[in-house]
Amino acid sequence: MKTVGLFEAKTRLSELCREVARTGQDILVTRRGVPLTRLCPPEKKNPGKSSGILADLAAFEKKYGSISAASADFP
């Protein structure tokens, strides 16, 4: 599975989405090396596992703390 940082994912989102749609391969998005979410084709998404990026973000914040608090350290 390909891995990209959050900043790269933000700046290349359209390109990464096209890549996922074309190849069918997931892309893991990380923040400072910590998995945040993944981009995957809709048919591969497991509806019972997550309801989307907001649920993934909520799970991340529950496990690692608030992103806004963490971004205070980020230059």
C-alpha atoms as a PDB file:
ATOM      1  CA  MET A   1       0.000   0.000   0.000  1.00  0.00           C
ATOM      2  CA  LYS A   2       1.325   3.408  -0.924  1.00  0.00           C
ATOM      3  CA  THR A   3       1.771   5.907   1.929  1.00  0.00           C
ATOM      4  CA  VAL A   4       1.669   9.716   1.670  1.00  0.00           C
ATOM      5  CA  GLY A   5       1.888  12.445   4.259  1.00  0.00           C
ATOM      6  CA  LEU A   6      -1.092  14.637   5.035  1.00  0.00           C
ATOM      7  CA  PHE A   7       0.414  17.746   3.417  1.00  0.00           C
ATOM      8  CA  GLU A   8       1.188  15.847   0.208  1.00  0.00           C
ATOM      9  CA  ALA A   9      -2.320  14.335   0.231  1.00  0.00           C
ATOM     10  CA  LYS A  10      -3.818  17.805   0.597  1.00  0.00           C
ATOM     11  CA  THR A  11      -1.816  19.284  -2.252  1.00  0.00           C
ATOM     12  CA  ARG A  12      -2.269  16.265  -4.570  1.00  0.00           C
ATOM     13  CA  LEU A  13      -5.743  15.050  -3.564  1.00  0.00           C
ATOM     14  CA  SER A  14      -7.241  15.048  -7.067  1.00  0.00           C
ATOM     15  CA  GLU A  15      -4.255  13.201  -8.489  1.00  0.00           C
ATOM     16  CA  LEU A  16      -4.278  10.652  -5.659  1.00  0.00           C
ATOM     17  CA  CYS A  17      -8.016  10.057  -6.083  1.00  0.00           C
ATOM     18  CA  ARG A  18      -7.511   9.419  -9.805  1.00  0.00           C
ATOM     19  CA  GLU A  19      -4.699   6.991  -8.977  1.00  0.00           C
ATOM     20  CA  VAL A  20      -6.893   5.077  -6.525  1.00  0.00           C
ATOM     21  CA  ALA A  21      -9.736   4.931  -9.055  1.00  0.00           C
ATOM     22  CA  ARG A  22      -7.390   3.822 -11.843  1.00  0.00           C
ATOM     23  CA  THR A  23      -5.374   1.197  -9.934  1.00  0.00           C
ATOM     24  CA  GLY A  24      -7.845   0.105  -7.262  1.00  0.00           C
ATOM     25  CA  GLN A  25      -5.004   0.277  -4.721  1.00  0.00           C
ATOM     26  CA  ASP A  26      -5.467   1.958  -1.343  1.00  0.00           C
ATOM     27  CA  ILE A  27      -3.335   4.927  -0.288  1.00  0.00           C
ATOM     28  CA  LEU A  28      -2.597   5.399   3.413  1.00  0.00           C
ATOM     29  CA  VAL A  29      -2.518   9.029   4.598  1.00  0.00           C
ATOM     30  CA  THR A  30      -0.294   9.715   7.602  1.00  0.00           C
ATOM     31  CA  ARG A  31       0.464  12.695   9.814  1.00  0.00           C
ATOM     32  CA  ARG A  32       4.026  12.680  11.115  1.00  0.00           C
ATOM     33  CA  GLY A  33       4.208   8.981  10.349  1.00  0.00           C
ATOM     34  CA  VAL A  34       1.013   8.117  12.242  1.00  0.00           C
ATOM     35  CA  PRO A  35      -1.778   6.600  10.104  1.00  0.00           C
ATOM     36  CA  LEU A  36      -4.687   9.025   9.796  1.00  0.00           C
ATOM     37  CA  THR A  37      -6.968   7.621   7.108  1.00  0.00           C
ATOM     38  CA  ARG A  38      -6.843   5.860   3.797  1.00  0.00           C
ATOM     39  CA  LEU A  39      -8.081   6.550   0.323  1.00  0.00           C
ATOM     40  CA  CYS A  40      -9.736   3.539  -1.273  1.00  0.00           C
ATOM     41  CA  PRO A  41     -12.195   2.813  -4.055  1.00  0.00           C
ATOM     42  CA  PRO A  42     -15.829   2.909  -2.879  1.00  0.00           C
ATOM     43  CA  GLU A  43     -16.423  -0.773  -3.582  1.00  0.00           C
ATOM     44  CA  LYS A  44     -13.567  -1.692  -1.226  1.00  0.00           C
ATOM     45  CA  LYS A  45     -14.814   0.420   1.684  1.00  0.00           C
ATOM     46  CA  ASN A  46     -16.216  -1.650   4.519  1.00  0.00           C
ATOM     47  CA  PRO A  47     -19.343   0.236   5.694  1.00  0.00           C
ATOM     48  CA  GLY A  48     -19.343  -1.579   9.027  1.00  0.00           C
ATOM     49  CA  LYS A  49     -15.791  -0.476   9.783  1.00  0.00           C
ATOM     50  CA  SER A  50     -16.010   3.275   9.181  1.00  0.00           C
ATOM     51  CA  SER A  51     -18.489   5.818   7.916  1.00  0.00           C
ATOM     52  CA  GLY A  52     -15.842   7.921   6.183  1.00  0.00           C
ATOM     53  CA  ILE A  53     -13.160  10.450   6.853  1.00  0.00           C
ATOM     54  CA  LEU A  54     -15.048  12.138   9.709  1.00  0.00           C
ATOM     55  CA  ALA A  55     -15.320   8.849  11.559  1.00  0.00           C
ATOM     56  CA  ASP A  56     -11.647   8.170  10.839  1.00  0.00           C
ATOM     57  CA  LEU A  57     -10.753  11.613  12.170  1.00  0.00           C
ATOM     58  CA  ALA A  58     -12.834  11.064  15.306  1.00  0.00           C
ATOM     59  CA  ALA A  59     -11.124   7.707  15.879  1.00  0.00           C
ATOM     60  CA  PHE A  60      -7.715   9.324  15.359  1.00  0.00           C
ATOM     61  CA  GLU A  61      -8.507  12.118  17.832  1.00  0.00           C
ATOM     62  CA  LYS A  62      -9.812   9.605  20.355  1.00  0.00           C
ATOM     63  CA  LYS A  63      -6.585   7.618  20.121  1.00  0.00           C
ATOM     64  CA  TYR A  64      -4.010  10.432  19.696  1.00  0.00           C
ATOM     65  CA  GLY A  65      -5.743  13.574  20.933  1.00  0.00           C
ATOM     66  CA  SER A  66      -7.130  16.622  19.182  1.00  0.00           C
ATOM     67  CA  ILE A  67      -5.544  17.565  15.875  1.00  0.00           C
ATOM     68  CA  SER A  68      -5.908  21.248  16.706  1.00  0.00           C
ATOM     69  CA  ALA A  69      -3.941  20.696  19.912  1.00  0.00           C
ATOM     70  CA  ALA A  70      -1.320  18.668  18.059  1.00  0.00           C
ATOM     71  CA  SER A  71      -1.013  21.282  15.301  1.00  0.00           C
ATOM     72  CA  ALA A  72       0.109  23.860  17.866  1.00  0.00           C
ATOM     73  CA  ASP A  73       3.499  22.095  17.710  1.00  0.00           C
ATOM     74  CA  PHE A  74       3.478  22.066  13.928  1.00  0.00           C
ATOM     75  CA  PRO A  75       5.376  25.030  12.428  1.00  0.00           C
END
